[in-house]
Amino acid sequence: MDVKRLLSDDAVEVFDALAQPTRLDAFRLLLRYVPYGLAAGDIARLLAVPHNTMSTHLAQLERAGLVTSRREGRSIIYAASTSRTASILSLLISELPVPAAEELAFPRLRPSEPVTRPYNVLLVCSHNSARSIMAEAVLNREGRGRFHAYSAGSQPRGAPHPLVIDLLRSLGYTTDDLRSKSWDEFADGAVEPMDFVITVCDSAAGESCPNFPGHPLTAHWGLPDPAAAGNNEAELRAAFQSTYRQIAARMSAFVNLPIETLDLAALKRRLGDIGVMEGATEMTVAARAA
């Protein structure tokens, strides 16, 4: 049988499976975790999708050959299948042949990285009530001990936004330790030095930051304020969920960076690339291009 015809049929099946936004997001997420994969519950949490709905989408991706699965204790682990995707890409750009990627082994869950000290990351937003709070929660969980996340603001509101707490709790996060606080707590050696300071709103990026000891690497990942995105509770909840998904995507990209092997310039560039992932504000894109 004609190999090209077979690949064309495969491409139709693959594109049909990826033609739904949640399935596309799930596949993109799993590509960041090659070859380790993620538990189905983690995928659902990071994409803020109900578990039963996510299971249906994962099953369709598996039928299309885009993911493989295995049981690990009580969890089902899913990993992106790279060889089929590579062969289809090779067909689409046949004038510039792309060698099919060798299928990677499917090891157990990503091992915990042995670290002498976790990377300290400060997530900054003016009011420290929504975006930076969500970023702190996601990074502390996804970092698996390799990262220690904090959040703060220049004009803290005094408490996290109630819809943030509701959303995080619904997704299985512990929220008892989350609080709105001033970035002054982290200046002038008040706590151990930060390795990274990342702003997640445009207003904080334009302010004069205090002196953070240790010369942390800075980056800007601006996102619109979800609290200003709706006129009723339903619209607000949808905005907070959308912002959470964008933050989770950035954090999953961040925790998978090979930080130990990148030089300073390359690491700075990779952090900037994360800031202009899908969903970045026009202001952020313009700043990156300048």
C-alpha atoms as a PDB file:
ATOM      1  CA  MET A   1       0.000   0.000   0.000  1.00  0.00           C
ATOM      2  CA  ASP A   2       1.202   3.559  -0.770  1.00  0.00           C
ATOM      3  CA  VAL A   3       3.064   4.909   2.280  1.00  0.00           C
ATOM      4  CA  LYS A   4       2.032   8.465   1.455  1.00  0.00           C
ATOM      5  CA  ARG A   5      -1.590   7.391   1.315  1.00  0.00           C
ATOM      6  CA  LEU A   6      -1.254   5.784   4.734  1.00  0.00           C
ATOM      7  CA  LEU A   7       0.351   8.908   6.178  1.00  0.00           C
ATOM      8  CA  SER A   8      -2.382  11.056   4.658  1.00  0.00           C
ATOM      9  CA  ASP A   9      -5.036   8.910   6.332  1.00  0.00           C
ATOM     10  CA  ASP A  10      -3.101   9.184   9.600  1.00  0.00           C
ATOM     11  CA  ALA A  11      -2.934  12.954   9.233  1.00  0.00           C
ATOM     12  CA  VAL A  12      -6.704  13.210   8.838  1.00  0.00           C
ATOM     13  CA  GLU A  13      -7.215  11.162  12.004  1.00  0.00           C
ATOM     14  CA  VAL A  14      -4.627  13.171  13.948  1.00  0.00           C
ATOM     15  CA  PHE A  15      -5.971  16.549  12.870  1.00  0.00           C
ATOM     16  CA  ASP A  16      -9.496  15.439  13.655  1.00  0.00           C
ATOM     17  CA  ALA A  17      -8.395  14.521  17.185  1.00  0.00           C
ATOM     18  CA  LEU A  18      -6.611  17.859  17.637  1.00  0.00           C
ATOM     19  CA  ALA A  19      -9.433  19.947  16.168  1.00  0.00           C
ATOM     20  CA  GLN A  20     -10.983  20.371  19.611  1.00  0.00           C
ATOM     21  CA  PRO A  21      -9.377  23.054  21.860  1.00  0.00           C
ATOM     22  CA  THR A  22      -9.148  20.960  25.040  1.00  0.00           C
ATOM     23  CA  ARG A  23      -7.540  18.024  23.241  1.00  0.00           C
ATOM     24  CA  LEU A  24      -5.070  20.344  21.528  1.00  0.00           C
ATOM     25  CA  ASP A  25      -4.177  21.956  24.864  1.00  0.00           C
ATOM     26  CA  ALA A  26      -3.747  18.537  26.491  1.00  0.00           C
ATOM     27  CA  PHE A  27      -1.440  17.340  23.724  1.00  0.00           C
ATOM     28  CA  ARG A  28       0.639  20.525  23.870  1.00  0.00           C
ATOM     29  CA  LEU A  29       0.924  20.124  27.634  1.00  0.00           C
ATOM     30  CA  LEU A  30       2.086  16.516  27.309  1.00  0.00           C
ATOM     31  CA  LEU A  31       4.714  17.500  24.755  1.00  0.00           C
ATOM     32  CA  ARG A  32       6.356  19.618  27.475  1.00  0.00           C
ATOM     33  CA  TYR A  33       6.602  16.527  29.683  1.00  0.00           C
ATOM     34  CA  VAL A  34       8.121  14.128  27.113  1.00  0.00           C
ATOM     35  CA  PRO A  35       9.132  11.451  27.903  1.00  0.00           C
ATOM     36  CA  TYR A  36       7.809  11.267  31.465  1.00  0.00           C
ATOM     37  CA  GLY A  37       4.137  12.019  30.952  1.00  0.00           C
ATOM     38  CA  LEU A  38       1.585  13.231  33.461  1.00  0.00           C
ATOM     39  CA  ALA A  39      -1.145  11.638  35.530  1.00  0.00           C
ATOM     40  CA  ALA A  40      -4.644  12.142  34.154  1.00  0.00           C
ATOM     41  CA  GLY A  41      -5.582  14.076  37.288  1.00  0.00           C
ATOM     42  CA  ASP A  42      -2.655  16.461  36.835  1.00  0.00           C
ATOM     43  CA  ILE A  43      -3.630  17.113  33.221  1.00  0.00           C
ATOM     44  CA  ALA A  44      -7.201  17.891  34.269  1.00  0.00           C
ATOM     45  CA  ARG A  45      -6.001  20.202  37.047  1.00  0.00           C
ATOM     46  CA  LEU A  46      -3.523  22.134  34.901  1.00  0.00           C
ATOM     47  CA  LEU A  47      -6.125  22.658  32.185  1.00  0.00           C
ATOM     48  CA  ALA A  48      -8.945  23.325  34.693  1.00  0.00           C
ATOM     49  CA  VAL A  49     -11.140  20.680  33.058  1.00  0.00           C
ATOM     50  CA  PRO A  50     -13.397  18.231  34.978  1.00  0.00           C
ATOM     51  CA  HIS A  51     -11.780  14.816  35.354  1.00  0.00           C
ATOM     52  CA  ASN A  52     -14.514  12.870  33.539  1.00  0.00           C
ATOM     53  CA  THR A  53     -14.430  15.299  30.612  1.00  0.00           C
ATOM     54  CA  MET A  54     -10.648  15.115  30.459  1.00  0.00           C
ATOM     55  CA  SER A  55     -10.762  11.313  30.469  1.00  0.00           C
ATOM     56  CA  THR A  56     -12.988  11.359  27.382  1.00  0.00           C
ATOM     57  CA  HIS A  57     -10.604  13.664  25.540  1.00  0.00           C
ATOM     58  CA  LEU A  58      -7.539  11.632  26.535  1.00  0.00           C
ATOM     59  CA  ALA A  59      -9.212   8.464  25.290  1.00  0.00           C
ATOM     60  CA  GLN A  60      -9.761  10.079  21.890  1.00  0.00           C
ATOM     61  CA  LEU A  61      -6.131  11.224  21.734  1.00  0.00           C
ATOM     62  CA  GLU A  62      -5.054   7.688  22.559  1.00  0.00           C
ATOM     63  CA  ARG A  63      -7.267   6.201  19.839  1.00  0.00           C
ATOM     64  CA  ALA A  64      -5.627   8.596  17.371  1.00  0.00           C
ATOM     65  CA  GLY A  65      -2.205   7.366  18.448  1.00  0.00           C
ATOM     66  CA  LEU A  66      -1.154  10.746  19.826  1.00  0.00           C
ATOM     67  CA  VAL A  67      -0.722   9.583  23.411  1.00  0.00           C
ATOM     68  CA  THR A  68       0.048   6.352  25.195  1.00  0.00           C
ATOM     69  CA  SER A  69      -1.011   5.400  28.697  1.00  0.00           C
ATOM     70  CA  ARG A  70       0.013   3.115  31.498  1.00  0.00           C
ATOM     71  CA  ARG A  71      -1.139   2.530  35.043  1.00  0.00           C
ATOM     72  CA  GLU A  72       1.057   3.738  37.899  1.00  0.00           C
ATOM     73  CA  GLY A  73      -0.498   2.679  41.198  1.00  0.00           C
ATOM     74  CA  ARG A  74      -3.929   4.298  41.307  1.00  0.00           C
ATOM     75  CA  SER A  75      -3.128   6.770  38.529  1.00  0.00           C
ATOM     76  CA  ILE A  76      -3.155   6.474  34.759  1.00  0.00           C
ATOM     77  CA  ILE A  77      -0.128   8.190  33.252  1.00  0.00           C
ATOM     78  CA  TYR A  78      -0.369   9.658  29.748  1.00  0.00           C
ATOM     79  CA  ALA A  79       2.596  10.563  27.557  1.00  0.00           C
ATOM     80  CA  ALA A  80       2.738  12.163  24.113  1.00  0.00           C
ATOM     81  CA  SER A  81       3.638   9.787  21.304  1.00  0.00           C
ATOM     82  CA  THR A  82       6.258  11.605  19.245  1.00  0.00           C
ATOM     83  CA  SER A  83       6.932   9.224  16.340  1.00  0.00           C
ATOM     84  CA  ARG A  84       3.513   9.465  14.701  1.00  0.00           C
ATOM     85  CA  THR A  85       3.475  13.261  14.964  1.00  0.00           C
ATOM     86  CA  ALA A  86       6.968  13.472  13.464  1.00  0.00           C
ATOM     87  CA  SER A  87       6.080  11.269  10.502  1.00  0.00           C
ATOM     88  CA  ILE A  88       3.021  13.387   9.703  1.00  0.00           C
ATOM     89  CA  LEU A  89       5.044  16.598   9.951  1.00  0.00           C
ATOM     90  CA  SER A  90       7.562  15.013   7.591  1.00  0.00           C
ATOM     91  CA  LEU A  91       4.773  14.436   5.074  1.00  0.00           C
ATOM     92  CA  LEU A  92       3.518  18.014   5.338  1.00  0.00           C
ATOM     93  CA  ILE A  93       6.940  19.559   4.782  1.00  0.00           C
ATOM     94  CA  SER A  94       8.337  16.865   2.499  1.00  0.00           C
ATOM     95  CA  GLU A  95      10.412  19.395   0.548  1.00  0.00           C
ATOM     96  CA  LEU A  96      12.400  19.847   3.798  1.00  0.00           C
ATOM     97  CA  PRO A  97      12.432  16.303   5.159  1.00  0.00           C
ATOM     98  CA  VAL A  98      12.154  15.986   8.906  1.00  0.00           C
ATOM     99  CA  PRO A  99      13.515  12.681  10.195  1.00  0.00           C
ATOM    100  CA  ALA A 100      10.971  10.776  12.222  1.00  0.00           C
ATOM    101  CA  ALA A 101      11.805  11.120  15.885  1.00  0.00           C
ATOM    102  CA  GLU A 102      12.814   7.917  17.584  1.00  0.00           C
ATOM    103  CA  GLU A 103      10.056   6.872  19.936  1.00  0.00           C
ATOM    104  CA  LEU A 104      11.202   7.730  23.427  1.00  0.00           C
ATOM    105  CA  ALA A 105      10.937   5.249  26.241  1.00  0.00           C
ATOM    106  CA  PHE A 106       8.057   5.704  28.628  1.00  0.00           C
ATOM    107  CA  PRO A 107       9.719   5.887  32.036  1.00  0.00           C
ATOM    108  CA  ARG A 108       7.928   6.295  35.284  1.00  0.00           C
ATOM    109  CA  LEU A 109       6.854   9.730  36.434  1.00  0.00           C
ATOM    110  CA  ARG A 110       9.385  12.546  36.162  1.00  0.00           C
ATOM    111  CA  PRO A 111      11.886  11.925  38.952  1.00  0.00           C
ATOM    112  CA  SER A 112      12.441  14.500  41.634  1.00  0.00           C
ATOM    113  CA  GLU A 113      15.531  16.488  40.802  1.00  0.00           C
ATOM    114  CA  PRO A 114      18.310  16.232  43.395  1.00  0.00           C
ATOM    115  CA  VAL A 115      18.976  19.821  44.443  1.00  0.00           C
ATOM    116  CA  THR A 116      21.216  21.318  47.070  1.00  0.00           C
ATOM    117  CA  ARG A 117      18.805  24.247  47.284  1.00  0.00           C
ATOM    118  CA  PRO A 118      15.540  24.859  45.426  1.00  0.00           C
ATOM    119  CA  TYR A 119      15.287  27.774  43.047  1.00  0.00           C
ATOM    120  CA  ASN A 120      13.500  30.649  44.777  1.00  0.00           C
ATOM    121  CA  VAL A 121      10.990  32.400  42.519  1.00  0.00           C
ATOM    122  CA  LEU A 122       9.084  35.589  43.363  1.00  0.00           C
ATOM    123  CA  LEU A 123       5.898  36.156  41.332  1.00  0.00           C
ATOM    124  CA  VAL A 124       4.934  39.820  41.315  1.00  0.00           C
ATOM    125  CA  CYS A 125       1.665  41.589  40.520  1.00  0.00           C
ATOM    126  CA  SER A 126       0.601  45.015  41.761  1.00  0.00           C
ATOM    127  CA  HIS A 127      -2.173  43.874  44.100  1.00  0.00           C
ATOM    128  CA  ASN A 128      -0.992  40.294  44.754  1.00  0.00           C
ATOM    129  CA  SER A 129      -4.564  39.057  44.826  1.00  0.00           C
ATOM    130  CA  ALA A 130      -5.119  37.027  41.655  1.00  0.00           C
ATOM    131  CA  ARG A 131      -2.517  36.304  38.974  1.00  0.00           C
ATOM    132  CA  SER A 132       0.537  36.135  41.223  1.00  0.00           C
ATOM    133  CA  ILE A 133      -1.371  34.088  43.810  1.00  0.00           C
ATOM    134  CA  MET A 134      -2.363  31.534  41.165  1.00  0.00           C
ATOM    135  CA  ALA A 135       1.201  31.458  39.836  1.00  0.00           C
ATOM    136  CA  GLU A 136       2.582  30.804  43.323  1.00  0.00           C
ATOM    137  CA  ALA A 137       0.198  27.903  43.895  1.00  0.00           C
ATOM    138  CA  VAL A 138       0.852  26.285  40.508  1.00  0.00           C
ATOM    139  CA  LEU A 139       4.641  26.615  40.638  1.00  0.00           C
ATOM    140  CA  ASN A 140       4.931  25.246  44.170  1.00  0.00           C
ATOM    141  CA  ARG A 141       2.980  22.161  43.119  1.00  0.00           C
ATOM    142  CA  GLU A 142       4.488  21.631  39.663  1.00  0.00           C
ATOM    143  CA  GLY A 143       8.007  22.413  40.835  1.00  0.00           C
ATOM    144  CA  ARG A 144       8.094  19.170  42.856  1.00  0.00           C
ATOM    145  CA  GLY A 145      10.578  20.598  45.355  1.00  0.00           C
ATOM    146  CA  ARG A 146      12.910  21.974  42.676  1.00  0.00           C
ATOM    147  CA  PHE A 147      11.291  25.418  42.936  1.00  0.00           C
ATOM    148  CA  HIS A 148      10.066  27.388  45.933  1.00  0.00           C
ATOM    149  CA  ALA A 149       7.550  29.998  44.805  1.00  0.00           C
ATOM    150  CA  TYR A 150       6.493  33.170  46.607  1.00  0.00           C
ATOM    151  CA  SER A 151       4.225  36.006  45.526  1.00  0.00           C
ATOM    152  CA  ALA A 152       3.989  39.676  46.424  1.00  0.00           C
ATOM    153  CA  GLY A 153       2.797  43.057  45.169  1.00  0.00           C
ATOM    154  CA  SER A 154       3.623  46.746  45.267  1.00  0.00           C
ATOM    155  CA  GLN A 155       0.118  47.608  46.523  1.00  0.00           C
ATOM    156  CA  PRO A 156      -1.207  44.402  48.096  1.00  0.00           C
ATOM    157  CA  ARG A 157      -4.945  44.128  48.556  1.00  0.00           C
ATOM    158  CA  GLY A 158      -4.565  42.364  51.899  1.00  0.00           C
ATOM    159  CA  ALA A 159      -6.249  39.127  50.843  1.00  0.00           C
ATOM    160  CA  PRO A 160      -6.423  36.925  47.721  1.00  0.00           C
ATOM    161  CA  HIS A 161      -9.461  37.401  45.507  1.00  0.00           C
ATOM    162  CA  PRO A 162     -12.257  35.049  46.697  1.00  0.00           C
ATOM    163  CA  LEU A 163     -12.738  33.632  43.187  1.00  0.00           C
ATOM    164  CA  VAL A 164      -9.051  32.691  43.074  1.00  0.00           C
ATOM    165  CA  ILE A 165      -9.361  30.750  46.304  1.00  0.00           C
ATOM    166  CA  ASP A 166     -12.562  29.060  45.083  1.00  0.00           C
ATOM    167  CA  LEU A 167     -10.935  28.050  41.800  1.00  0.00           C
ATOM    168  CA  LEU A 168      -7.723  26.743  43.354  1.00  0.00           C
ATOM    169  CA  ARG A 169      -9.621  24.723  45.965  1.00  0.00           C
ATOM    170  CA  SER A 170     -11.845  23.224  43.269  1.00  0.00           C
ATOM    171  CA  LEU A 171      -8.692  22.060  41.490  1.00  0.00           C
ATOM    172  CA  GLY A 172      -7.227  20.425  44.578  1.00  0.00           C
ATOM    173  CA  TYR A 173      -4.742  23.063  45.695  1.00  0.00           C
ATOM    174  CA  THR A 174      -4.033  23.816  49.331  1.00  0.00           C
ATOM    175  CA  THR A 175      -4.794  27.493  49.884  1.00  0.00           C
ATOM    176  CA  ASP A 176      -4.321  27.949  53.637  1.00  0.00           C
ATOM    177  CA  ASP A 177      -0.875  29.553  53.253  1.00  0.00           C
ATOM    178  CA  LEU A 178      -1.776  31.907  50.422  1.00  0.00           C
ATOM    179  CA  ARG A 179      -1.884  35.568  51.414  1.00  0.00           C
ATOM    180  CA  SER A 180      -1.583  39.007  49.821  1.00  0.00           C
ATOM    181  CA  LYS A 181       1.649  40.739  50.899  1.00  0.00           C
ATOM    182  CA  SER A 182       4.071  43.522  50.007  1.00  0.00           C
ATOM    183  CA  TRP A 183       7.183  42.934  47.962  1.00  0.00           C
ATOM    184  CA  ASP A 184       9.046  44.797  50.712  1.00  0.00           C
ATOM    185  CA  GLU A 185       9.053  41.505  52.626  1.00  0.00           C
ATOM    186  CA  PHE A 186      11.512  40.156  50.060  1.00  0.00           C
ATOM    187  CA  ALA A 187      13.773  43.199  49.714  1.00  0.00           C
ATOM    188  CA  ASP A 188      17.095  44.008  51.355  1.00  0.00           C
ATOM    189  CA  GLY A 189      17.816  40.512  52.616  1.00  0.00           C
ATOM    190  CA  ALA A 190      14.591  40.072  54.577  1.00  0.00           C
ATOM    191  CA  VAL A 191      14.423  36.474  53.277  1.00  0.00           C
ATOM    192  CA  GLU A 192      16.857  34.256  51.414  1.00  0.00           C
ATOM    193  CA  PRO A 193      17.773  35.603  47.965  1.00  0.00           C
ATOM    194  CA  MET A 194      15.510  35.072  44.970  1.00  0.00           C
ATOM    195  CA  ASP A 195      16.846  33.351  41.863  1.00  0.00           C
ATOM    196  CA  PHE A 196      14.029  34.637  39.652  1.00  0.00           C
ATOM    197  CA  VAL A 197      11.623  37.590  39.886  1.00  0.00           C
ATOM    198  CA  ILE A 198       8.761  37.326  37.401  1.00  0.00           C
ATOM    199  CA  THR A 199       6.054  39.950  36.907  1.00  0.00           C
ATOM    200  CA  VAL A 200       2.684  38.629  35.794  1.00  0.00           C
ATOM    201  CA  CYS A 201       0.854  41.920  35.238  1.00  0.00           C
ATOM    202  CA  ASP A 202       1.824  44.879  33.080  1.00  0.00           C
ATOM    203  CA  SER A 203       1.428  47.527  35.772  1.00  0.00           C
ATOM    204  CA  ALA A 204       3.939  45.834  38.083  1.00  0.00           C
ATOM    205  CA  ALA A 205       6.453  45.597  35.230  1.00  0.00           C
ATOM    206  CA  GLY A 206       6.394  49.387  34.871  1.00  0.00           C
ATOM    207  CA  GLU A 207       7.014  50.118  38.541  1.00  0.00           C
ATOM    208  CA  SER A 208      10.338  50.651  40.262  1.00  0.00           C
ATOM    209  CA  CYS A 209      11.080  47.401  42.050  1.00  0.00           C
ATOM    210  CA  PRO A 210      12.851  47.352  45.401  1.00  0.00           C
ATOM    211  CA  ASN A 211      16.370  46.017  45.691  1.00  0.00           C
ATOM    212  CA  PHE A 212      16.123  42.240  45.722  1.00  0.00           C
ATOM    213  CA  PRO A 213      19.399  40.760  47.004  1.00  0.00           C
ATOM    214  CA  GLY A 214      21.294  38.176  45.023  1.00  0.00           C
ATOM    215  CA  HIS A 215      20.806  39.731  41.542  1.00  0.00           C
ATOM    216  CA  PRO A 216      17.834  37.555  40.511  1.00  0.00           C
ATOM    217  CA  LEU A 217      17.066  36.948  36.864  1.00  0.00           C
ATOM    218  CA  THR A 218      13.952  38.915  35.890  1.00  0.00           C
ATOM    219  CA  ALA A 219      11.242  38.215  33.343  1.00  0.00           C
ATOM    220  CA  HIS A 220       7.844  39.623  32.422  1.00  0.00           C
ATOM    221  CA  TRP A 221       4.892  37.343  31.712  1.00  0.00           C
ATOM    222  CA  GLY A 222       2.077  39.887  31.556  1.00  0.00           C
ATOM    223  CA  LEU A 223      -1.519  38.734  31.551  1.00  0.00           C
ATOM    224  CA  PRO A 224      -4.763  40.749  31.642  1.00  0.00           C
ATOM    225  CA  ASP A 225      -6.447  41.244  35.015  1.00  0.00           C
ATOM    226  CA  PRO A 226      -9.268  38.666  35.247  1.00  0.00           C
ATOM    227  CA  ALA A 227     -11.003  40.741  37.931  1.00  0.00           C
ATOM    228  CA  ALA A 228     -11.653  43.434  35.295  1.00  0.00           C
ATOM    229  CA  ALA A 229     -12.896  41.036  32.617  1.00  0.00           C
ATOM    230  CA  GLY A 230     -16.580  40.603  33.412  1.00  0.00           C
ATOM    231  CA  ASN A 231     -19.794  42.279  34.496  1.00  0.00           C
ATOM    232  CA  ASN A 232     -21.260  39.339  36.389  1.00  0.00           C
ATOM    233  CA  GLU A 233     -20.050  36.360  38.396  1.00  0.00           C
ATOM    234  CA  ALA A 234     -20.279  33.879  35.518  1.00  0.00           C
ATOM    235  CA  GLU A 235     -18.098  36.068  33.284  1.00  0.00           C
ATOM    236  CA  LEU A 236     -15.632  36.633  36.113  1.00  0.00           C
ATOM    237  CA  ARG A 237     -15.330  32.922  36.862  1.00  0.00           C
ATOM    238  CA  ALA A 238     -14.690  32.219  33.178  1.00  0.00           C
ATOM    239  CA  ALA A 239     -12.008  34.924  33.114  1.00  0.00           C
ATOM    240  CA  PHE A 240     -10.270  33.560  36.205  1.00  0.00           C
ATOM    241  CA  GLN A 241     -10.306  30.044  34.762  1.00  0.00           C
ATOM    242  CA  SER A 242      -8.842  31.280  31.457  1.00  0.00           C
ATOM    243  CA  THR A 243      -6.093  33.166  33.301  1.00  0.00           C
ATOM    244  CA  TYR A 244      -5.341  30.102  35.421  1.00  0.00           C
ATOM    245  CA  ARG A 245      -4.883  27.984  32.289  1.00  0.00           C
ATOM    246  CA  GLN A 246      -2.481  30.519  30.789  1.00  0.00           C
ATOM    247  CA  ILE A 247      -0.487  30.644  34.027  1.00  0.00           C
ATOM    248  CA  ALA A 248      -0.401  26.847  34.256  1.00  0.00           C
ATOM    249  CA  ALA A 249       0.928  26.654  30.679  1.00  0.00           C
ATOM    250  CA  ARG A 250       3.720  29.088  31.497  1.00  0.00           C
ATOM    251  CA  MET A 251       4.622  27.276  34.698  1.00  0.00           C
ATOM    252  CA  SER A 252       4.717  23.872  33.004  1.00  0.00           C
ATOM    253  CA  ALA A 253       7.096  25.346  30.404  1.00  0.00           C
ATOM    254  CA  PHE A 254       9.201  26.934  33.161  1.00  0.00           C
ATOM    255  CA  VAL A 255       9.637  23.821  35.290  1.00  0.00           C
ATOM    256  CA  ASN A 256      10.747  21.859  32.219  1.00  0.00           C
ATOM    257  CA  LEU A 257      13.535  24.278  31.270  1.00  0.00           C
ATOM    258  CA  PRO A 258      17.032  22.728  31.493  1.00  0.00           C
ATOM    259  CA  ILE A 259      18.113  25.554  33.779  1.00  0.00           C
ATOM    260  CA  GLU A 260      21.325  23.863  34.876  1.00  0.00           C
ATOM    261  CA  THR A 261      22.625  23.528  31.311  1.00  0.00           C
ATOM    262  CA  LEU A 262      21.638  26.944  29.909  1.00  0.00           C
ATOM    263  CA  ASP A 263      23.987  29.910  29.997  1.00  0.00           C
ATOM    264  CA  LEU A 264      22.623  33.191  31.359  1.00  0.00           C
ATOM    265  CA  ALA A 265      21.809  34.692  27.949  1.00  0.00           C
ATOM    266  CA  ALA A 266      20.030  31.557  26.771  1.00  0.00           C
ATOM    267  CA  LEU A 267      18.061  31.269  29.997  1.00  0.00           C
ATOM    268  CA  LYS A 268      16.998  34.917  29.765  1.00  0.00           C
ATOM    269  CA  ARG A 269      15.856  34.328  26.186  1.00  0.00           C
ATOM    270  CA  ARG A 270      13.897  31.190  27.103  1.00  0.00           C
ATOM    271  CA  LEU A 271      12.168  33.043  29.956  1.00  0.00           C
ATOM    272  CA  GLY A 272      11.221  35.792  27.522  1.00  0.00           C
ATOM    273  CA  ASP A 273       9.794  33.241  25.107  1.00  0.00           C
ATOM    274  CA  ILE A 274       7.553  31.865  27.854  1.00  0.00           C
ATOM    275  CA  GLY A 275       6.247  35.397  28.420  1.00  0.00           C
ATOM    276  CA  VAL A 276       4.906  35.605  24.873  1.00  0.00           C
ATOM    277  CA  MET A 277       3.243  32.221  24.772  1.00  0.00           C
ATOM    278  CA  GLU A 278      -0.320  32.156  23.462  1.00  0.00           C
ATOM    279  CA  GLY A 279      -2.454  34.498  25.569  1.00  0.00           C
ATOM    280  CA  ALA A 280       0.167  37.169  26.217  1.00  0.00           C
ATOM    281  CA  THR A 281      -1.065  40.739  26.139  1.00  0.00           C
ATOM    282  CA  GLU A 282      -0.333  42.990  23.185  1.00  0.00           C
ATOM    283  CA  MET A 283       1.757  45.166  25.499  1.00  0.00           C
ATOM    284  CA  THR A 284       3.937  42.198  26.417  1.00  0.00           C
ATOM    285  CA  VAL A 285       4.438  41.214  22.765  1.00  0.00           C
ATOM    286  CA  ALA A 286       5.372  44.793  21.861  1.00  0.00           C
ATOM    287  CA  ALA A 287       7.846  44.985  24.708  1.00  0.00           C
ATOM    288  CA  ARG A 288       9.419  41.706  23.642  1.00  0.00           C
ATOM    289  CA  ALA A 289       9.791  42.931  20.054  1.00  0.00           C
ATOM    290  CA  ALA A 290      11.335  46.257  21.071  1.00  0.00           C
END
